[in-house]
Amino acid sequence: MMEQTLSAISQWAIPFLFFLFLAVGWVRKVPVYEAFIQGASEGFQIAVRIIPYMVAMFVAIKVFRVSGAMDILAWICSPVLNLIGAPPEVLPLAVMRPLSGSSALGLASELIHTYGPDSFIGRLASVMQGTTDTTFFVLTVYFGSVGIRRYRHAVPLGLTADLIGLFVSLYICHLFFR
């Protein structure tokens, strides 16, 4: 019964929100269609502005992976990872997640395909995807698109949050899946 209820809620959530926004706009006498068109136009302009930042980020990520630096880093860190109970296979995901969500998703998919979705590594990769964020992508693309140039404190704070997410992922996976 609970699964059917959650399924119905998830199926109708987006249409409900869509009509809710239309109704609230109508009640407040907001020209909803014109506001949507204006927002879409501004969104397109922002998308064009962030293209150089995205290209630079994707090139840097590709160079890091193709050069073999990722593999060397995994080899160097494997003793520490074993000490904290993290399989060395997840290090590339932990390193890549703050840089790029799509690259991290590709790595997580590769781990799940290689080790299986019910393996400890597969589950850890899945939990890591949900507990960490794309810190440098956010800083580069979003901060760059709105003109924020001084984000000195955002870098250590974002990376600290990602590190905490990694440790929480390990704790949760060891608690529930070992």
N, C-alpha and C. Protein backbone atom coordinates (compact mmCIF):
# COMPACT_ATOMS: atom_id res chain seq x y z
N MET A 1 0.82 -1.20 0.00
CA MET A 1 0.00 0.00 0.00
C MET A 1 0.87 1.27 0.00
N MET A 2 1.93 1.24 0.81
CA MET A 2 2.81 2.40 0.90
C MET A 2 3.51 2.64 -0.44
N GLU A 3 3.93 1.58 -1.12
CA GLU A 3 4.60 1.73 -2.41
C GLU A 3 3.66 2.33 -3.45
N GLN A 4 2.40 1.93 -3.44
CA GLN A 4 1.43 2.47 -4.39
C GLN A 4 1.19 3.94 -4.13
N THR A 5 1.13 4.31 -2.86
CA THR A 5 0.92 5.72 -2.50
C THR A 5 2.11 6.56 -2.95
N LEU A 6 3.34 6.10 -2.65
CA LEU A 6 4.53 6.84 -3.07
C LEU A 6 4.64 6.91 -4.59
N SER A 7 4.25 5.84 -5.27
CA SER A 7 4.28 5.84 -6.73
C SER A 7 3.30 6.86 -7.29
N ALA A 8 2.10 6.92 -6.71
CA ALA A 8 1.10 7.89 -7.17
C ALA A 8 1.56 9.32 -6.90
N ILE A 9 2.15 9.55 -5.73
CA ILE A 9 2.65 10.89 -5.39
C ILE A 9 3.74 11.31 -6.37
N SER A 10 4.70 10.40 -6.63
CA SER A 10 5.79 10.76 -7.54
C SER A 10 5.30 10.95 -8.97
N GLN A 11 4.28 10.23 -9.35
CA GLN A 11 3.75 10.36 -10.71
C GLN A 11 3.03 11.69 -10.91
N TRP A 12 2.36 12.18 -9.88
CA TRP A 12 1.57 13.40 -10.01
C TRP A 12 2.24 14.65 -9.44
N ALA A 13 3.44 14.53 -8.88
CA ALA A 13 4.10 15.67 -8.24
C ALA A 13 4.40 16.79 -9.23
N ILE A 14 5.00 16.47 -10.37
CA ILE A 14 5.37 17.51 -11.34
C ILE A 14 4.13 18.16 -11.95
N PRO A 15 3.15 17.39 -12.44
CA PRO A 15 1.95 18.06 -12.97
C PRO A 15 1.25 18.92 -11.91
N PHE A 16 1.22 18.44 -10.67
CA PHE A 16 0.58 19.22 -9.60
C PHE A 16 1.31 20.54 -9.41
N LEU A 17 2.64 20.50 -9.33
CA LEU A 17 3.41 21.73 -9.15
C LEU A 17 3.23 22.68 -10.34
N PHE A 18 3.19 22.14 -11.53
CA PHE A 18 2.98 22.95 -12.73
C PHE A 18 1.67 23.72 -12.63
N PHE A 19 0.59 23.02 -12.32
CA PHE A 19 -0.71 23.69 -12.21
C PHE A 19 -0.80 24.58 -10.98
N LEU A 20 -0.07 24.24 -9.92
CA LEU A 20 -0.03 25.10 -8.74
C LEU A 20 0.61 26.44 -9.08
N PHE A 21 1.74 26.40 -9.82
CA PHE A 21 2.39 27.64 -10.23
C PHE A 21 1.48 28.48 -11.12
N LEU A 22 0.80 27.84 -12.04
CA LEU A 22 -0.14 28.57 -12.91
C LEU A 22 -1.26 29.20 -12.08
N ALA A 23 -1.80 28.45 -11.14
CA ALA A 23 -2.90 28.96 -10.31
C ALA A 23 -2.45 30.12 -9.43
N VAL A 24 -1.29 29.98 -8.81
CA VAL A 24 -0.79 31.07 -7.96
C VAL A 24 -0.51 32.31 -8.80
N GLY A 25 0.07 32.12 -9.97
CA GLY A 25 0.31 33.26 -10.86
C GLY A 25 -0.99 33.92 -11.29
N TRP A 26 -2.00 33.12 -11.59
CA TRP A 26 -3.31 33.66 -11.99
C TRP A 26 -3.94 34.44 -10.85
N VAL A 27 -3.89 33.89 -9.62
CA VAL A 27 -4.47 34.57 -8.45
C VAL A 27 -3.73 35.89 -8.19
N ARG A 28 -2.43 35.90 -8.35
CA ARG A 28 -1.64 37.12 -8.10
C ARG A 28 -1.59 38.05 -9.31
N LYS A 29 -2.30 37.67 -10.36
CA LYS A 29 -2.38 38.46 -11.58
C LYS A 29 -1.00 38.68 -12.23
N VAL A 30 -0.19 37.64 -12.20
CA VAL A 30 1.11 37.66 -12.85
C VAL A 30 0.94 37.15 -14.28
N PRO A 31 1.48 37.85 -15.25
CA PRO A 31 1.42 37.33 -16.63
C PRO A 31 2.38 36.14 -16.75
N VAL A 32 1.87 34.96 -16.46
CA VAL A 32 2.70 33.76 -16.31
C VAL A 32 3.48 33.44 -17.59
N TYR A 33 2.81 33.47 -18.72
CA TYR A 33 3.48 33.13 -19.97
C TYR A 33 4.61 34.11 -20.27
N GLU A 34 4.36 35.39 -20.11
CA GLU A 34 5.38 36.41 -20.37
C GLU A 34 6.55 36.26 -19.40
N ALA A 35 6.24 35.97 -18.11
CA ALA A 35 7.30 35.76 -17.13
C ALA A 35 8.14 34.54 -17.48
N PHE A 36 7.48 33.48 -17.97
CA PHE A 36 8.19 32.28 -18.38
C PHE A 36 9.13 32.59 -19.55
N ILE A 37 8.62 33.30 -20.55
CA ILE A 37 9.44 33.64 -21.73
C ILE A 37 10.63 34.51 -21.32
N GLN A 38 10.41 35.47 -20.44
CA GLN A 38 11.51 36.32 -19.98
C GLN A 38 12.55 35.49 -19.23
N GLY A 39 12.11 34.60 -18.36
CA GLY A 39 13.03 33.73 -17.63
C GLY A 39 13.80 32.80 -18.55
N ALA A 40 13.12 32.25 -19.55
CA ALA A 40 13.79 31.37 -20.51
C ALA A 40 14.84 32.13 -21.30
N SER A 41 14.54 33.37 -21.65
CA SER A 41 15.50 34.20 -22.38
C SER A 41 16.73 34.48 -21.52
N GLU A 42 16.52 34.83 -20.26
CA GLU A 42 17.65 35.07 -19.35
C GLU A 42 18.45 33.78 -19.13
N GLY A 43 17.75 32.65 -19.02
CA GLY A 43 18.43 31.36 -18.85
C GLY A 43 19.31 31.03 -20.03
N PHE A 44 18.82 31.32 -21.23
CA PHE A 44 19.60 31.07 -22.44
C PHE A 44 20.86 31.93 -22.46
N GLN A 45 20.72 33.19 -22.07
CA GLN A 45 21.88 34.08 -22.03
C GLN A 45 22.92 33.60 -21.02
N ILE A 46 22.46 33.11 -19.88
CA ILE A 46 23.38 32.57 -18.88
C ILE A 46 24.07 31.32 -19.41
N ALA A 47 23.31 30.47 -20.09
CA ALA A 47 23.90 29.25 -20.66
C ALA A 47 25.01 29.59 -21.64
N VAL A 48 24.81 30.60 -22.47
CA VAL A 48 25.84 31.01 -23.42
C VAL A 48 27.06 31.56 -22.69
N ARG A 49 26.83 32.31 -21.61
CA ARG A 49 27.93 32.89 -20.83
C ARG A 49 28.77 31.83 -20.14
N ILE A 50 28.19 30.70 -19.73
CA ILE A 50 28.96 29.72 -18.97
C ILE A 50 29.68 28.69 -19.85
N ILE A 51 29.46 28.72 -21.15
CA ILE A 51 30.11 27.76 -22.05
C ILE A 51 31.64 27.76 -21.90
N PRO A 52 32.32 28.91 -21.88
CA PRO A 52 33.79 28.85 -21.74
C PRO A 52 34.24 28.20 -20.43
N TYR A 53 33.52 28.45 -19.35
CA TYR A 53 33.86 27.84 -18.07
C TYR A 53 33.70 26.32 -18.13
N MET A 54 32.64 25.87 -18.76
CA MET A 54 32.39 24.44 -18.87
C MET A 54 33.45 23.77 -19.74
N VAL A 55 33.81 24.38 -20.85
CA VAL A 55 34.83 23.81 -21.72
C VAL A 55 36.16 23.67 -20.98
N ALA A 56 36.55 24.71 -20.26
CA ALA A 56 37.80 24.66 -19.50
C ALA A 56 37.77 23.55 -18.46
N MET A 57 36.65 23.39 -17.76
CA MET A 57 36.53 22.36 -16.73
C MET A 57 36.61 20.96 -17.36
N PHE A 58 35.90 20.73 -18.46
CA PHE A 58 35.89 19.41 -19.08
C PHE A 58 37.27 19.05 -19.64
N VAL A 59 37.99 20.02 -20.20
CA VAL A 59 39.34 19.75 -20.72
C VAL A 59 40.27 19.36 -19.57
N ALA A 60 40.22 20.10 -18.48
CA ALA A 60 41.08 19.80 -17.33
C ALA A 60 40.79 18.41 -16.77
N ILE A 61 39.54 18.04 -16.69
CA ILE A 61 39.17 16.72 -16.17
C ILE A 61 39.67 15.62 -17.10
N LYS A 62 39.51 15.80 -18.39
CA LYS A 62 39.95 14.80 -19.36
C LYS A 62 41.46 14.63 -19.31
N VAL A 63 42.21 15.72 -19.21
CA VAL A 63 43.66 15.65 -19.12
C VAL A 63 44.08 14.91 -17.86
N PHE A 64 43.41 15.15 -16.76
CA PHE A 64 43.73 14.49 -15.49
C PHE A 64 43.54 12.98 -15.59
N ARG A 65 42.46 12.56 -16.22
CA ARG A 65 42.19 11.12 -16.34
C ARG A 65 43.08 10.45 -17.37
N VAL A 66 43.23 11.05 -18.54
CA VAL A 66 43.98 10.43 -19.63
C VAL A 66 45.48 10.39 -19.34
N SER A 67 45.98 11.35 -18.59
CA SER A 67 47.42 11.40 -18.29
C SER A 67 47.87 10.29 -17.36
N GLY A 68 46.93 9.63 -16.69
CA GLY A 68 47.29 8.58 -15.74
C GLY A 68 47.46 9.09 -14.32
N ALA A 69 47.27 10.40 -14.13
CA ALA A 69 47.42 10.97 -12.80
C ALA A 69 46.40 10.39 -11.81
N MET A 70 45.23 10.05 -12.30
CA MET A 70 44.20 9.46 -11.43
C MET A 70 44.65 8.09 -10.91
N ASP A 71 45.22 7.28 -11.79
CA ASP A 71 45.69 5.95 -11.39
C ASP A 71 46.85 6.04 -10.40
N ILE A 72 47.75 6.96 -10.63
CA ILE A 72 48.88 7.16 -9.73
C ILE A 72 48.38 7.59 -8.35
N LEU A 73 47.43 8.50 -8.34
CA LEU A 73 46.86 8.96 -7.07
C LEU A 73 46.18 7.82 -6.31
N ALA A 74 45.47 6.97 -7.01
CA ALA A 74 44.81 5.82 -6.37
C ALA A 74 45.85 4.88 -5.78
N TRP A 75 46.93 4.65 -6.48
CA TRP A 75 47.98 3.76 -5.99
C TRP A 75 48.66 4.34 -4.75
N ILE A 76 48.92 5.64 -4.76
CA ILE A 76 49.57 6.30 -3.62
C ILE A 76 48.67 6.28 -2.38
N CYS A 77 47.39 6.50 -2.57
CA CYS A 77 46.45 6.63 -1.45
C CYS A 77 45.89 5.30 -0.95
N SER A 78 46.16 4.20 -1.63
CA SER A 78 45.54 2.93 -1.25
C SER A 78 45.83 2.50 0.19
N PRO A 79 47.03 2.71 0.76
CA PRO A 79 47.23 2.31 2.17
C PRO A 79 46.32 3.08 3.13
N VAL A 80 46.17 4.37 2.89
CA VAL A 80 45.30 5.19 3.76
C VAL A 80 43.84 4.78 3.59
N LEU A 81 43.44 4.53 2.35
CA LEU A 81 42.07 4.12 2.09
C LEU A 81 41.75 2.79 2.77
N ASN A 82 42.68 1.84 2.70
CA ASN A 82 42.47 0.56 3.37
C ASN A 82 42.35 0.75 4.88
N LEU A 83 43.11 1.68 5.42
CA LEU A 83 43.07 1.96 6.86
C LEU A 83 41.70 2.47 7.31
N ILE A 84 41.04 3.28 6.49
CA ILE A 84 39.73 3.83 6.87
C ILE A 84 38.57 2.98 6.35
N GLY A 85 38.89 1.88 5.69
CA GLY A 85 37.84 0.97 5.24
C GLY A 85 37.24 1.32 3.90
N ALA A 86 37.96 2.11 3.12
CA ALA A 86 37.48 2.49 1.79
C ALA A 86 38.21 1.68 0.74
N PRO A 87 37.49 1.02 -0.14
CA PRO A 87 38.17 0.30 -1.22
C PRO A 87 38.86 1.29 -2.15
N PRO A 88 40.11 1.02 -2.54
CA PRO A 88 40.83 1.95 -3.42
C PRO A 88 40.12 2.20 -4.75
N GLU A 89 39.26 1.28 -5.15
CA GLU A 89 38.55 1.44 -6.42
C GLU A 89 37.64 2.66 -6.45
N VAL A 90 37.22 3.16 -5.28
CA VAL A 90 36.30 4.30 -5.26
C VAL A 90 37.03 5.65 -5.22
N LEU A 91 38.36 5.63 -5.10
CA LEU A 91 39.09 6.90 -5.05
C LEU A 91 38.88 7.76 -6.29
N PRO A 92 38.94 7.18 -7.50
CA PRO A 92 38.67 8.04 -8.67
C PRO A 92 37.31 8.74 -8.59
N LEU A 93 36.31 8.04 -8.06
CA LEU A 93 34.99 8.66 -7.89
C LEU A 93 35.05 9.78 -6.86
N ALA A 94 35.75 9.54 -5.75
CA ALA A 94 35.86 10.56 -4.70
C ALA A 94 36.59 11.79 -5.20
N VAL A 95 37.59 11.59 -6.06
CA VAL A 95 38.35 12.73 -6.60
C VAL A 95 37.54 13.44 -7.68
N MET A 96 36.86 12.68 -8.51
CA MET A 96 36.16 13.27 -9.65
C MET A 96 34.85 13.95 -9.26
N ARG A 97 34.20 13.48 -8.21
CA ARG A 97 32.89 14.02 -7.84
C ARG A 97 32.91 15.53 -7.62
N PRO A 98 33.90 16.09 -6.90
CA PRO A 98 33.91 17.56 -6.75
C PRO A 98 34.17 18.31 -8.05
N LEU A 99 34.70 17.61 -9.06
CA LEU A 99 35.04 18.28 -10.31
C LEU A 99 33.91 18.27 -11.33
N SER A 100 33.28 17.11 -11.50
CA SER A 100 32.29 16.99 -12.57
C SER A 100 31.27 15.92 -12.24
N GLY A 101 30.01 16.29 -12.26
CA GLY A 101 28.94 15.34 -11.99
C GLY A 101 28.82 14.29 -13.06
N SER A 102 28.98 14.67 -14.34
CA SER A 102 28.84 13.69 -15.41
C SER A 102 30.00 12.70 -15.40
N SER A 103 31.22 13.16 -15.14
CA SER A 103 32.35 12.24 -15.06
C SER A 103 32.19 11.32 -13.86
N ALA A 104 31.74 11.87 -12.74
CA ALA A 104 31.53 11.05 -11.54
C ALA A 104 30.43 10.03 -11.78
N LEU A 105 29.39 10.42 -12.48
CA LEU A 105 28.32 9.47 -12.79
C LEU A 105 28.84 8.35 -13.68
N GLY A 106 29.68 8.70 -14.63
CA GLY A 106 30.29 7.68 -15.48
C GLY A 106 31.16 6.71 -14.68
N LEU A 107 31.94 7.25 -13.75
CA LEU A 107 32.77 6.39 -12.91
C LEU A 107 31.92 5.51 -12.00
N ALA A 108 30.86 6.08 -11.43
CA ALA A 108 29.97 5.30 -10.57
C ALA A 108 29.30 4.19 -11.37
N SER A 109 28.87 4.50 -12.57
CA SER A 109 28.25 3.48 -13.44
C SER A 109 29.24 2.38 -13.77
N GLU A 110 30.47 2.77 -14.02
CA GLU A 110 31.51 1.79 -14.32
C GLU A 110 31.77 0.88 -13.11
N LEU A 111 31.82 1.47 -11.91
CA LEU A 111 32.01 0.67 -10.69
C LEU A 111 30.85 -0.29 -10.47
N ILE A 112 29.64 0.20 -10.67
CA ILE A 112 28.45 -0.64 -10.49
C ILE A 112 28.43 -1.75 -11.53
N HIS A 113 28.80 -1.44 -12.75
CA HIS A 113 28.83 -2.46 -13.80
C HIS A 113 29.90 -3.51 -13.52
N THR A 114 31.07 -3.07 -13.05
CA THR A 114 32.19 -3.98 -12.80
C THR A 114 31.95 -4.85 -11.57
N TYR A 115 31.51 -4.24 -10.46
CA TYR A 115 31.42 -4.96 -9.19
C TYR A 115 30.00 -5.38 -8.83
N GLY A 116 29.01 -4.84 -9.52
CA GLY A 116 27.62 -5.19 -9.27
C GLY A 116 26.93 -4.17 -8.37
N PRO A 117 25.64 -3.98 -8.57
CA PRO A 117 24.90 -2.98 -7.79
C PRO A 117 24.74 -3.36 -6.33
N ASP A 118 24.80 -4.65 -6.02
CA ASP A 118 24.64 -5.07 -4.63
C ASP A 118 25.97 -5.31 -3.93
N SER A 119 27.08 -5.03 -4.59
CA SER A 119 28.39 -5.16 -3.96
C SER A 119 28.62 -3.96 -3.04
N PHE A 120 29.58 -4.11 -2.14
CA PHE A 120 29.91 -3.00 -1.25
C PHE A 120 30.37 -1.79 -2.06
N ILE A 121 31.20 -2.03 -3.07
CA ILE A 121 31.71 -0.93 -3.90
C ILE A 121 30.58 -0.27 -4.67
N GLY A 122 29.66 -1.05 -5.22
CA GLY A 122 28.53 -0.49 -5.95
C GLY A 122 27.64 0.35 -5.05
N ARG A 123 27.38 -0.16 -3.87
CA ARG A 123 26.54 0.60 -2.93
C ARG A 123 27.26 1.85 -2.44
N LEU A 124 28.56 1.73 -2.16
CA LEU A 124 29.32 2.90 -1.72
C LEU A 124 29.34 3.97 -2.81
N ALA A 125 29.52 3.56 -4.06
CA ALA A 125 29.51 4.52 -5.17
C ALA A 125 28.16 5.23 -5.25
N SER A 126 27.08 4.49 -5.06
CA SER A 126 25.75 5.08 -5.11
C SER A 126 25.53 6.07 -3.98
N VAL A 127 25.94 5.70 -2.78
CA VAL A 127 25.76 6.59 -1.64
C VAL A 127 26.64 7.83 -1.79
N MET A 128 27.86 7.64 -2.31
CA MET A 128 28.75 8.79 -2.53
C MET A 128 28.15 9.77 -3.52
N GLN A 129 27.47 9.27 -4.53
CA GLN A 129 26.82 10.16 -5.51
C GLN A 129 25.79 11.05 -4.82
N GLY A 130 25.14 10.54 -3.79
CA GLY A 130 24.10 11.30 -3.12
C GLY A 130 24.58 12.18 -1.98
N THR A 131 25.78 11.92 -1.46
CA THR A 131 26.23 12.68 -0.29
C THR A 131 27.31 13.70 -0.60
N THR A 132 27.78 13.74 -1.84
CA THR A 132 28.80 14.73 -2.21
C THR A 132 28.25 15.59 -3.35
N ASP A 133 28.98 16.66 -3.64
CA ASP A 133 28.51 17.57 -4.68
C ASP A 133 29.64 17.91 -5.63
N THR A 134 29.31 18.58 -6.70
CA THR A 134 30.27 18.97 -7.72
C THR A 134 30.81 20.37 -7.39
N THR A 135 31.64 20.44 -6.36
CA THR A 135 32.10 21.70 -5.80
C THR A 135 32.74 22.61 -6.84
N PHE A 136 33.73 22.12 -7.56
CA PHE A 136 34.44 22.98 -8.52
C PHE A 136 33.56 23.33 -9.71
N PHE A 137 32.68 22.44 -10.09
CA PHE A 137 31.74 22.76 -11.16
C PHE A 137 30.84 23.91 -10.72
N VAL A 138 30.32 23.84 -9.50
CA VAL A 138 29.47 24.90 -8.97
C VAL A 138 30.24 26.21 -8.91
N LEU A 139 31.47 26.16 -8.40
CA LEU A 139 32.26 27.38 -8.30
C LEU A 139 32.58 27.96 -9.67
N THR A 140 32.98 27.10 -10.59
CA THR A 140 33.39 27.57 -11.91
C THR A 140 32.21 28.07 -12.72
N VAL A 141 31.18 27.26 -12.81
CA VAL A 141 30.08 27.58 -13.71
C VAL A 141 29.11 28.57 -13.08
N TYR A 142 28.59 28.25 -11.92
CA TYR A 142 27.55 29.10 -11.34
C TYR A 142 28.12 30.42 -10.82
N PHE A 143 29.23 30.35 -10.10
CA PHE A 143 29.82 31.60 -9.62
C PHE A 143 30.29 32.45 -10.80
N GLY A 144 30.89 31.79 -11.81
CA GLY A 144 31.36 32.52 -12.99
C GLY A 144 30.24 33.15 -13.78
N SER A 145 29.10 32.48 -13.85
CA SER A 145 28.00 33.00 -14.66
C SER A 145 27.36 34.24 -14.05
N VAL A 146 27.45 34.38 -12.75
CA VAL A 146 26.85 35.56 -12.12
C VAL A 146 27.91 36.59 -11.72
N GLY A 147 29.17 36.33 -12.10
CA GLY A 147 30.22 37.32 -11.91
C GLY A 147 30.90 37.32 -10.56
N ILE A 148 30.73 36.27 -9.77
CA ILE A 148 31.43 36.21 -8.48
C ILE A 148 32.87 35.80 -8.76
N ARG A 149 33.81 36.64 -8.41
CA ARG A 149 35.22 36.38 -8.68
C ARG A 149 36.00 36.03 -7.41
N ARG A 150 35.50 36.41 -6.27
CA ARG A 150 36.22 36.19 -5.01
C ARG A 150 35.47 35.13 -4.20
N TYR A 151 35.86 33.89 -4.41
CA TYR A 151 35.19 32.80 -3.70
C TYR A 151 36.21 31.97 -2.92
N ARG A 152 37.12 32.67 -2.28
CA ARG A 152 38.21 32.05 -1.53
C ARG A 152 37.72 31.09 -0.46
N HIS A 153 36.71 31.46 0.28
CA HIS A 153 36.24 30.61 1.38
C HIS A 153 35.32 29.50 0.89
N ALA A 154 34.78 29.65 -0.27
CA ALA A 154 33.86 28.62 -0.80
C ALA A 154 34.61 27.34 -1.17
N VAL A 155 35.85 27.45 -1.61
CA VAL A 155 36.62 26.26 -2.01
C VAL A 155 36.88 25.34 -0.82
N PRO A 156 37.50 25.83 0.26
CA PRO A 156 37.74 24.91 1.38
C PRO A 156 36.44 24.42 2.02
N LEU A 157 35.44 25.26 2.06
CA LEU A 157 34.17 24.84 2.64
C LEU A 157 33.52 23.74 1.80
N GLY A 158 33.50 23.90 0.49
CA GLY A 158 32.93 22.88 -0.40
C GLY A 158 33.70 21.57 -0.34
N LEU A 159 35.03 21.66 -0.33
CA LEU A 159 35.84 20.44 -0.27
C LEU A 159 35.70 19.75 1.09
N THR A 160 35.56 20.52 2.15
CA THR A 160 35.32 19.94 3.47
C THR A 160 33.99 19.21 3.49
N ALA A 161 32.97 19.80 2.89
CA ALA A 161 31.66 19.14 2.81
C ALA A 161 31.75 17.86 1.99
N ASP A 162 32.54 17.86 0.92
CA ASP A 162 32.72 16.64 0.12
C ASP A 162 33.46 15.56 0.91
N LEU A 163 34.47 15.96 1.67
CA LEU A 163 35.20 15.00 2.50
C LEU A 163 34.29 14.41 3.58
N ILE A 164 33.49 15.24 4.19
CA ILE A 164 32.52 14.75 5.18
C ILE A 164 31.53 13.81 4.51
N GLY A 165 31.09 14.15 3.31
CA GLY A 165 30.19 13.26 2.56
C GLY A 165 30.82 11.91 2.29
N LEU A 166 32.11 11.90 1.98
CA LEU A 166 32.82 10.64 1.76
C LEU A 166 32.83 9.80 3.04
N PHE A 167 33.17 10.42 4.16
CA PHE A 167 33.21 9.69 5.43
C PHE A 167 31.82 9.21 5.86
N VAL A 168 30.82 10.04 5.64
CA VAL A 168 29.45 9.63 5.96
C VAL A 168 29.03 8.46 5.07
N SER A 169 29.40 8.51 3.81
CA SER A 169 29.09 7.40 2.89
C SER A 169 29.73 6.11 3.38
N LEU A 170 30.99 6.20 3.77
CA LEU A 170 31.68 5.02 4.29
C LEU A 170 30.99 4.49 5.54
N TYR A 171 30.66 5.40 6.45
CA TYR A 171 30.02 5.00 7.70
C TYR A 171 28.67 4.31 7.43
N ILE A 172 27.86 4.94 6.60
CA ILE A 172 26.53 4.38 6.29
C ILE A 172 26.65 3.01 5.62
N CYS A 173 27.56 2.91 4.66
CA CYS A 173 27.72 1.65 3.95
C CYS A 173 28.26 0.55 4.86
N HIS A 174 29.20 0.89 5.74
CA HIS A 174 29.70 -0.11 6.69
C HIS A 174 28.62 -0.49 7.69
N LEU A 175 27.81 0.47 8.06
CA LEU A 175 26.74 0.22 9.03
C LEU A 175 25.66 -0.69 8.45
N PHE A 176 25.25 -0.44 7.22
CA PHE A 176 24.13 -1.16 6.64
C PHE A 176 24.49 -2.32 5.71
N PHE A 177 25.68 -2.28 5.10
CA PHE A 177 25.97 -3.24 4.05
C PHE A 177 27.15 -4.17 4.34
N ARG A 178 27.77 -4.08 5.48
CA ARG A 178 28.90 -4.99 5.80
C ARG A 178 28.49 -5.96 6.84
